[in-house]
């Protein structure tokens, strides 16, 4: 997997992966071993996995995502960038109750 070193601001991405049937376990273990992937969840629906990623800037995130797309068995990937509005006081401390 790709490594970046640079002075860009850290970015967070949420990526959904669709994989070829019967490739879920090998892909899961390959992704789970990568330190840039904070969390990995098996989900149901149009995609099979949801990944929480960290990278040193957008360029690095794009290169890392390219390396994920090249994994044998990955059929599709969609990524959402996570942003924070620093103008909202207390945004980092908002807790959403879960039933």
Foldseek 3Di string as FASTA:
>chain_A
DDADDDDAAKWKKKKFWAFAPPCVVVLVVVVVPDPQFPDWDQDDDPGGIITIGIHRDDVRVVVVVVVSCPPPGTDDMDMDIDDDDPVDPPPVVDDDDDD
